[in-house]
């Protein structure tokens, strides 16, 4: 399955962007650089990358129109490797010092093969050079404490990242080799590495399972499933009217407050440069934005088979039940009556089912990138996603048909 292959090749946002770049180039899209002049022409697909971990692709049609924006994110909760990470234990083991990135379920990270991926920075002609890296082998593991040493383990635990979640790297003979291992995977010398952004990732393979093969499980389904469906819709859509814009931001799991996050000026500046290429006046820019529409795509929770009581009493999304239309009275999601109606009409045209998602009124849910994006680009917006189980686990579950529904919806959006 194309989605699972993409997820397996994308252990971090850096690899996700790199994989999307390959697909865009293969489709005939041209890469732009933020610090160079853009010479844009109608009918050509373009894309621009921000800090190696965020990407915006767009196409200007021959028929003028408003922006049609689809946004998702590339990052997932994980553990980030600190500088000077090696820690010697009892003159016997070497473990790595990490810190938590985002809010994850910690228990699933124990007792499974892990590795590291991300990017390293080296020097080239006196300037920083970024190189994506993936140590593509079973390298690390976070060992659980045996039941004999913690009889209350099955009664619930509160984990301390600094004490409980540090991964074991090797025996005493491995001391001083971690950075060398990363350098070899990156194809550089250890002494060339100036700095790095490295994350743990689980090595377990994605799978298709269930009585009828109706479920998929993989790391990072949230939000690579929505991101990849959006890219496929962008590539397959005709893009004949309306300015098609596909966005994959980074750092949603930690608030989107980076230069490559939804709260940055990345999207705003990209749209402004498109408007400039179209010779928009200030009034035309305002009118174009007023007529534009943004789909914020990030997964939501399905009814849990063992805990159905955790779901809203009257809005109960299921795996393989269709696109989630996400609502929130406190505007953590941007959906309102008008944008919901537009989404339902779009889904009807695409021939895909829609189901509604609300959090229980006595439970605080998460937010996503839709309302954050609107602080920079004030356009009408709707929040959607796909239903899944075990969100923010190291191994998540979704419905196999839902991905196809979202891909069809995105293609219709970009038609």
Protein backbone atom coordinates (compact mmCIF):
# COMPACT_ATOMS: atom_id res chain seq x y z
CA UNK A 1 0.00 0.00 0.00
CA UNK A 2 1.44 3.37 -1.07
CA UNK A 3 0.62 5.07 2.25
CA UNK A 4 2.40 2.45 4.36
CA UNK A 5 5.44 2.55 2.08
CA UNK A 6 5.58 6.32 2.50
CA UNK A 7 5.28 6.06 6.29
CA UNK A 8 8.05 3.47 6.45
CA UNK A 9 10.34 5.75 4.43
CA UNK A 10 9.50 8.76 6.64
CA UNK A 11 10.73 8.17 10.20
CA UNK A 12 10.88 11.96 10.78
CA UNK A 13 9.55 15.12 9.14
CA UNK A 14 12.86 15.53 7.31
CA UNK A 15 12.42 12.23 5.47
CA UNK A 16 8.72 12.93 4.85
CA UNK A 17 9.64 16.16 3.05
CA UNK A 18 12.43 14.40 1.14
CA UNK A 19 10.03 11.67 -0.05
CA UNK A 20 7.40 14.21 -1.11
CA UNK A 21 10.06 16.16 -2.97
CA UNK A 22 10.91 13.04 -4.99
CA UNK A 23 7.27 12.52 -5.95
CA UNK A 24 6.76 16.16 -6.88
CA UNK A 25 9.88 16.25 -9.05
CA UNK A 26 8.86 12.98 -10.73
CA UNK A 27 5.48 14.54 -11.56
CA UNK A 28 7.15 17.52 -13.26
CA UNK A 29 6.95 20.04 -10.41
CA UNK A 30 9.73 22.60 -10.10
CA UNK A 31 11.45 23.43 -6.82
CA UNK A 32 11.70 27.07 -5.74
CA UNK A 33 14.00 28.66 -3.19
CA UNK A 34 12.72 31.21 -0.69
CA UNK A 35 15.80 33.40 -1.08
CA UNK A 36 15.65 33.60 -4.87
CA UNK A 37 13.30 35.42 -7.23
CA UNK A 38 10.31 33.43 -8.46
CA UNK A 39 9.33 33.47 -12.12
CA UNK A 40 5.96 31.73 -12.06
CA UNK A 41 3.81 30.66 -14.99
CA UNK A 42 0.31 29.26 -15.22
CA UNK A 43 -0.24 25.52 -15.38
CA UNK A 44 3.10 24.60 -13.78
CA UNK A 45 3.36 22.85 -10.40
CA UNK A 46 5.86 24.36 -7.96
CA UNK A 47 7.03 23.60 -4.44
CA UNK A 48 9.17 25.27 -1.79
CA UNK A 49 10.77 23.69 1.29
CA UNK A 50 11.29 25.41 4.64
CA UNK A 51 14.12 24.32 6.97
CA UNK A 52 14.08 20.79 5.48
CA UNK A 53 10.92 19.76 7.39
CA UNK A 54 8.00 21.71 5.88
CA UNK A 55 6.78 21.96 2.30
CA UNK A 56 4.27 23.96 0.27
CA UNK A 57 3.31 22.93 -3.27
CA UNK A 58 1.08 25.03 -5.51
CA UNK A 59 -0.22 25.49 -9.03
CA UNK A 60 -1.55 28.65 -10.69
CA UNK A 61 -4.30 27.77 -13.18
CA UNK A 62 -4.97 29.50 -16.47
CA UNK A 63 -8.34 30.54 -15.06
CA UNK A 64 -7.93 33.02 -12.20
CA UNK A 65 -9.51 32.18 -8.87
CA UNK A 66 -9.25 31.97 -5.10
CA UNK A 67 -6.80 29.88 -3.07
CA UNK A 68 -7.75 26.27 -2.35
CA UNK A 69 -5.50 25.30 0.55
CA UNK A 70 -5.05 21.85 2.08
CA UNK A 71 -2.87 21.71 5.20
CA UNK A 72 -1.51 18.84 7.30
CA UNK A 73 1.61 18.25 9.40
CA UNK A 74 4.66 15.98 9.21
CA UNK A 75 5.78 15.62 12.83
CA UNK A 76 4.73 13.06 15.43
CA UNK A 77 5.46 12.68 19.16
CA UNK A 78 8.86 11.14 19.81
CA UNK A 79 12.04 11.49 21.84
CA UNK A 80 14.76 13.86 20.65
CA UNK A 81 18.44 13.05 21.17
CA UNK A 82 20.25 15.65 23.27
CA UNK A 83 23.75 16.93 22.60
CA UNK A 84 26.48 14.88 24.31
CA UNK A 85 23.99 12.03 24.59
CA UNK A 86 26.08 9.10 25.76
CA UNK A 87 25.67 8.10 29.41
CA UNK A 88 27.82 5.37 30.96
CA UNK A 89 26.00 3.12 33.47
CA UNK A 90 27.77 0.85 35.96
CA UNK A 91 30.80 0.62 33.66
CA UNK A 92 28.70 -1.83 31.67
CA UNK A 93 26.13 -0.04 29.51
CA UNK A 94 25.88 3.04 27.34
CA UNK A 95 22.47 4.71 27.14
CA UNK A 96 21.44 7.90 25.37
CA UNK A 97 20.09 11.08 26.92
CA UNK A 98 16.79 12.15 25.33
CA UNK A 99 13.96 14.60 25.93
CA UNK A 100 10.29 14.28 25.07
CA UNK A 101 8.98 15.84 21.87
CA UNK A 102 5.22 16.31 21.97
CA UNK A 103 2.68 14.48 24.10
CA UNK A 104 2.89 10.75 23.56
CA UNK A 105 1.70 7.53 25.14
CA UNK A 106 4.98 6.39 26.70
CA UNK A 107 4.29 2.73 27.53
CA UNK A 108 4.34 1.51 23.88
CA UNK A 109 7.93 2.74 23.48
CA UNK A 110 9.27 0.07 25.84
CA UNK A 111 10.74 -3.27 24.74
CA UNK A 112 10.74 -2.76 20.99
CA UNK A 113 13.56 -2.13 18.50
CA UNK A 114 14.24 1.55 17.90
CA UNK A 115 16.62 3.61 15.82
CA UNK A 116 17.42 7.26 15.14
CA UNK A 117 16.72 9.50 12.15
CA UNK A 118 16.61 13.19 11.33
CA UNK A 119 19.34 15.39 9.90
CA UNK A 120 22.95 16.32 10.52
CA UNK A 121 24.57 19.66 9.72
CA UNK A 122 28.04 19.79 8.23
CA UNK A 123 30.12 22.57 6.66
CA UNK A 124 30.30 23.15 2.93
CA UNK A 125 32.19 26.13 1.54
CA UNK A 126 31.97 27.87 4.88
CA UNK A 127 28.19 27.44 5.13
CA UNK A 128 25.96 24.92 6.95
CA UNK A 129 24.91 21.93 4.86
CA UNK A 130 21.92 19.81 5.88
CA UNK A 131 21.96 16.05 5.25
CA UNK A 132 18.98 13.79 6.06
CA UNK A 133 20.03 10.68 7.97
CA UNK A 134 18.40 7.42 8.98
CA UNK A 135 20.34 4.74 10.85
CA UNK A 136 18.35 2.05 9.11
CA UNK A 137 18.85 -0.84 11.53
CA UNK A 138 17.75 -1.99 14.97
CA UNK A 139 19.98 0.17 17.13
CA UNK A 140 18.31 0.96 20.46
CA UNK A 141 15.76 -0.32 22.97
CA UNK A 142 14.12 1.06 26.11
CA UNK A 143 13.97 -1.92 28.51
CA UNK A 144 11.08 -2.27 30.92
CA UNK A 145 11.62 -2.93 34.61
CA UNK A 146 10.70 -6.55 35.39
CA UNK A 147 7.48 -7.25 37.27
CA UNK A 148 9.57 -8.81 40.07
CA UNK A 149 11.16 -5.40 40.72
CA UNK A 150 7.94 -3.44 40.42
CA UNK A 151 4.92 -5.42 41.58
CA UNK A 152 2.64 -2.40 41.02
CA UNK A 153 3.50 -2.16 37.32
CA UNK A 154 0.08 -3.42 36.21
CA UNK A 155 -1.72 -1.03 38.55
CA UNK A 156 -0.61 2.01 36.58
CA UNK A 157 2.68 3.87 36.36
CA UNK A 158 3.78 7.46 36.12
CA UNK A 159 6.84 7.62 33.89
CA UNK A 160 9.80 9.92 34.36
CA UNK A 161 11.47 10.54 31.00
CA UNK A 162 14.89 11.26 32.50
CA UNK A 163 14.86 8.03 34.49
CA UNK A 164 12.57 5.56 32.73
CA UNK A 165 12.72 6.37 29.00
CA UNK A 166 16.42 6.58 28.16
CA UNK A 167 17.27 4.06 25.41
CA UNK A 168 20.03 1.47 25.77
CA UNK A 169 22.62 1.88 23.00
CA UNK A 170 25.24 -0.76 23.74
CA UNK A 171 27.78 -2.31 26.07
CA UNK A 172 30.86 -0.62 27.46
CA UNK A 173 32.74 -1.25 24.21
CA UNK A 174 30.29 1.07 22.38
CA UNK A 175 31.31 4.10 24.43
CA UNK A 176 32.13 7.06 22.20
CA UNK A 177 30.72 5.53 18.99
CA UNK A 178 27.19 6.94 18.72
CA UNK A 179 28.07 10.01 16.66
CA UNK A 180 30.32 7.87 14.48
CA UNK A 181 27.38 5.53 13.82
CA UNK A 182 25.22 8.49 12.77
CA UNK A 183 28.01 9.89 10.58
CA UNK A 184 28.42 6.59 8.75
CA UNK A 185 24.68 6.49 8.02
CA UNK A 186 24.86 10.06 6.70
CA UNK A 187 27.91 9.32 4.55
CA UNK A 188 30.15 11.85 6.31
CA UNK A 189 33.02 11.76 8.78
CA UNK A 190 32.24 12.13 12.49
CA UNK A 191 34.42 15.23 12.79
CA UNK A 192 32.44 16.93 9.99
CA UNK A 193 29.20 17.00 12.01
CA UNK A 194 28.59 20.44 13.50
CA UNK A 195 25.13 19.74 14.95
CA UNK A 196 22.07 17.56 14.48
CA UNK A 197 18.33 17.11 14.91
CA UNK A 198 17.86 13.42 15.70
CA UNK A 199 14.78 11.57 16.94
CA UNK A 200 14.01 8.04 18.09
CA UNK A 201 11.64 6.05 15.92
CA UNK A 202 10.14 2.55 16.29
CA UNK A 203 11.37 -0.07 13.84
CA UNK A 204 8.15 -2.10 13.79
CA UNK A 205 6.82 -2.48 10.25
CA UNK A 206 3.45 -1.08 9.12
CA UNK A 207 0.81 -3.79 8.67
CA UNK A 208 -2.58 -4.48 7.11
CA UNK A 209 -4.69 -6.70 9.36
CA UNK A 210 -8.20 -7.62 10.53
CA UNK A 211 -10.72 -10.31 9.57
CA UNK A 212 -11.12 -8.75 6.13
CA UNK A 213 -7.84 -6.82 5.99
CA UNK A 214 -9.77 -3.68 6.89
CA UNK A 215 -7.30 -2.08 9.32
CA UNK A 216 -3.85 -0.58 9.01
CA UNK A 217 -1.34 -0.04 11.81
CA UNK A 218 1.90 1.89 11.67
CA UNK A 219 3.94 4.50 13.49
CA UNK A 220 3.11 8.15 12.72
CA UNK A 221 -0.31 7.59 11.13
CA UNK A 222 -1.11 10.91 12.84
CA UNK A 223 -0.59 12.92 10.67
CA UNK A 224 1.27 11.34 7.77
CA UNK A 225 -1.97 9.69 6.64
CA UNK A 226 -3.66 13.06 6.05
CA UNK A 227 -0.49 14.60 4.66
CA UNK A 228 0.10 11.90 2.06
CA UNK A 229 -3.56 11.74 1.04
CA UNK A 230 -3.42 15.50 0.45
CA UNK A 231 -0.29 15.24 -1.67
CA UNK A 232 -1.85 12.48 -3.79
CA UNK A 233 -4.97 14.59 -4.24
CA UNK A 234 -2.81 17.54 -5.31
CA UNK A 235 -0.93 15.40 -7.83
CA UNK A 236 -4.09 13.76 -9.21
CA UNK A 237 -6.35 16.83 -9.26
CA UNK A 238 -6.83 18.76 -12.49
CA UNK A 239 -6.09 22.09 -10.77
CA UNK A 240 -7.85 23.91 -13.61
CA UNK A 241 -9.53 26.65 -11.57
CA UNK A 242 -8.58 28.17 -8.25
CA UNK A 243 -4.98 28.36 -7.03
CA UNK A 244 -4.25 24.90 -5.58
CA UNK A 245 -2.01 24.93 -2.49
CA UNK A 246 -0.84 21.87 -0.55
CA UNK A 247 0.95 22.47 2.77
CA UNK A 248 2.77 20.10 5.10
CA UNK A 249 3.95 21.95 8.20
CA UNK A 250 6.25 20.80 10.99
CA UNK A 251 6.09 21.14 14.79
CA UNK A 252 2.31 20.89 15.18
CA UNK A 253 2.83 18.53 18.11
CA UNK A 254 4.65 21.25 20.06
CA UNK A 255 2.48 24.25 19.20
CA UNK A 256 3.45 25.19 15.61
CA UNK A 257 5.56 28.09 16.85
CA UNK A 258 8.63 27.49 14.65
CA UNK A 259 9.62 29.11 11.35
CA UNK A 260 8.37 25.94 9.62
CA UNK A 261 5.18 25.63 11.67
CA UNK A 262 1.60 26.61 10.85
CA UNK A 263 1.98 29.66 13.08
CA UNK A 264 4.84 31.05 11.00
CA UNK A 265 4.72 33.34 7.96
CA UNK A 266 5.63 30.48 5.60
CA UNK A 267 2.15 30.11 4.10
CA UNK A 268 1.38 33.83 4.24
CA UNK A 269 4.58 34.74 2.41
CA UNK A 270 4.08 32.02 -0.20
CA UNK A 271 0.55 33.24 -0.97
CA UNK A 272 1.81 36.82 -1.12
CA UNK A 273 4.45 35.89 -3.70
CA UNK A 274 1.81 34.11 -5.79
CA UNK A 275 -0.38 37.22 -5.63
CA UNK A 276 2.58 39.34 -6.68
CA UNK A 277 3.17 37.08 -9.68
CA UNK A 278 -0.46 37.63 -10.64
CA UNK A 279 0.00 41.42 -10.31
CA UNK A 280 -2.69 41.65 -7.62
CA UNK A 281 -3.51 45.05 -6.20
CA UNK A 282 -4.07 45.32 -2.45
CA UNK A 283 -7.81 45.17 -3.05
CA UNK A 284 -7.45 42.11 -5.29
CA UNK A 285 -5.41 40.34 -2.59
CA UNK A 286 -8.12 40.99 -0.01
CA UNK A 287 -10.85 39.82 -2.36
CA UNK A 288 -8.89 36.69 -3.30
CA UNK A 289 -8.38 35.74 0.37
CA UNK A 290 -12.01 36.47 1.17
CA UNK A 291 -13.07 33.93 -1.46
CA UNK A 292 -10.48 31.33 -0.43
CA UNK A 293 -10.94 28.12 1.56
CA UNK A 294 -8.62 26.06 3.77
CA UNK A 295 -8.97 22.40 4.70
CA UNK A 296 -7.02 21.60 7.87
CA UNK A 297 -6.51 17.82 7.89
CA UNK A 298 -5.45 16.08 11.12
CA UNK A 299 -6.71 12.79 12.48
CA UNK A 300 -9.32 12.34 15.21
CA UNK A 301 -10.42 9.62 17.60
CA UNK A 302 -12.60 6.66 16.64
CA UNK A 303 -14.88 4.98 19.15
CA UNK A 304 -12.60 2.69 21.16
CA UNK A 305 -13.78 -0.93 21.26
CA UNK A 306 -12.86 -1.30 24.95
CA UNK A 307 -13.81 2.21 26.04
CA UNK A 308 -16.84 3.38 24.01
CA UNK A 309 -17.82 5.59 26.95
CA UNK A 310 -14.93 7.95 26.12
CA UNK A 311 -16.70 9.13 22.94
CA UNK A 312 -19.39 11.80 22.63
CA UNK A 313 -22.88 10.24 23.14
CA UNK A 314 -24.34 11.27 19.77
CA UNK A 315 -21.29 11.68 17.49
CA UNK A 316 -19.50 8.35 17.31
CA UNK A 317 -17.00 8.04 14.43
CA UNK A 318 -15.86 4.58 13.34
CA UNK A 319 -12.86 3.26 11.47
CA UNK A 320 -13.67 3.06 7.74
CA UNK A 321 -16.69 5.30 8.31
CA UNK A 322 -15.46 8.18 6.19
CA UNK A 323 -14.04 11.69 6.58
CA UNK A 324 -14.24 13.19 10.07
CA UNK A 325 -15.81 16.64 10.19
CA UNK A 326 -14.38 18.08 13.42
CA UNK A 327 -16.27 20.58 15.58
CA UNK A 328 -15.34 22.51 18.72
CA UNK A 329 -17.37 25.25 20.42
CA UNK A 330 -14.20 26.86 21.77
CA UNK A 331 -12.75 26.98 18.21
CA UNK A 332 -9.93 24.51 18.74
CA UNK A 333 -11.28 23.40 15.37
CA UNK A 334 -12.28 26.00 12.80
CA UNK A 335 -15.40 24.30 11.44
CA UNK A 336 -18.58 26.38 11.44
CA UNK A 337 -21.94 25.83 9.75
CA UNK A 338 -20.85 27.37 6.45
CA UNK A 339 -17.51 25.57 6.16
CA UNK A 340 -19.15 22.30 7.24
CA UNK A 341 -21.73 22.69 4.48
CA UNK A 342 -19.00 23.34 1.92
CA UNK A 343 -17.14 20.23 3.04
CA UNK A 344 -20.28 18.08 2.88
CA UNK A 345 -21.01 19.29 -0.65
CA UNK A 346 -17.42 18.55 -1.66
CA UNK A 347 -17.64 15.05 -0.14
CA UNK A 348 -20.93 14.43 -1.95
CA UNK A 349 -19.32 15.39 -5.23
CA UNK A 350 -16.35 13.11 -4.49
CA UNK A 351 -18.68 10.26 -3.49
CA UNK A 352 -17.18 9.75 -0.05
CA UNK A 353 -18.95 9.43 3.34
CA UNK A 354 -18.66 12.00 6.13
CA UNK A 355 -19.00 11.49 9.89
CA UNK A 356 -18.91 14.05 12.69
CA UNK A 357 -16.44 14.33 15.54
CA UNK A 358 -16.91 16.12 18.85
CA UNK A 359 -15.03 15.61 22.09
CA UNK A 360 -17.13 14.69 25.11
CA UNK A 361 -18.29 17.90 26.78
CA UNK A 362 -16.44 16.96 29.97
CA UNK A 363 -13.13 16.10 28.24
CA UNK A 364 -10.56 18.52 26.87
CA UNK A 365 -9.45 17.54 23.37
CA UNK A 366 -6.37 18.51 21.43
CA UNK A 367 -6.12 21.33 18.93
CA UNK A 368 -4.55 21.30 15.49
CA UNK A 369 -3.04 23.58 12.87
CA UNK A 370 -6.23 25.07 11.38
CA UNK A 371 -6.88 27.81 13.89
CA UNK A 372 -3.14 28.55 14.15
CA UNK A 373 -2.84 28.99 10.37
CA UNK A 374 -5.71 31.49 10.38
CA UNK A 375 -3.71 33.87 12.56
CA UNK A 376 -1.46 34.36 9.51
CA UNK A 377 -3.86 33.70 6.63
CA UNK A 378 -7.44 34.77 7.43
CA UNK A 379 -9.52 32.53 5.17
CA UNK A 380 -12.65 30.47 5.74
CA UNK A 381 -11.63 27.05 7.05
CA UNK A 382 -12.83 23.58 8.02
CA UNK A 383 -11.12 20.98 10.21
CA UNK A 384 -11.26 17.38 9.07
CA UNK A 385 -9.34 14.17 9.62
CA UNK A 386 -9.60 10.39 9.65
CA UNK A 387 -10.68 8.22 12.56
CA UNK A 388 -7.97 6.28 14.34
CA UNK A 389 -7.20 4.36 17.53
CA UNK A 390 -4.25 4.82 19.91
CA UNK A 391 -3.41 8.35 18.77
CA UNK A 392 0.09 9.38 19.89
CA UNK A 393 1.12 5.79 20.49
CA UNK A 394 4.30 4.55 18.83
CA UNK A 395 2.04 2.24 16.77
CA UNK A 396 -1.36 3.58 15.73
CA UNK A 397 -4.37 2.07 13.96
CA UNK A 398 -6.72 3.37 11.26
CA UNK A 399 -9.16 2.09 8.64
CA UNK A 400 -7.80 1.12 5.25
CA UNK A 401 -10.76 2.56 3.30
CA UNK A 402 -10.63 5.96 5.02
CA UNK A 403 -7.31 6.83 3.39
CA UNK A 404 -8.85 6.24 -0.03
CA UNK A 405 -11.82 8.42 0.92
CA UNK A 406 -9.56 11.31 1.89
CA UNK A 407 -7.42 10.95 -1.22
CA UNK A 408 -10.57 11.15 -3.36
CA UNK A 409 -11.80 14.18 -1.42
CA UNK A 410 -8.46 15.96 -1.86
CA UNK A 411 -8.43 15.22 -5.59
CA UNK A 412 -11.93 16.64 -5.91
CA UNK A 413 -10.89 19.71 -3.91
CA UNK A 414 -8.02 20.33 -6.33
CA UNK A 415 -10.09 19.65 -9.48
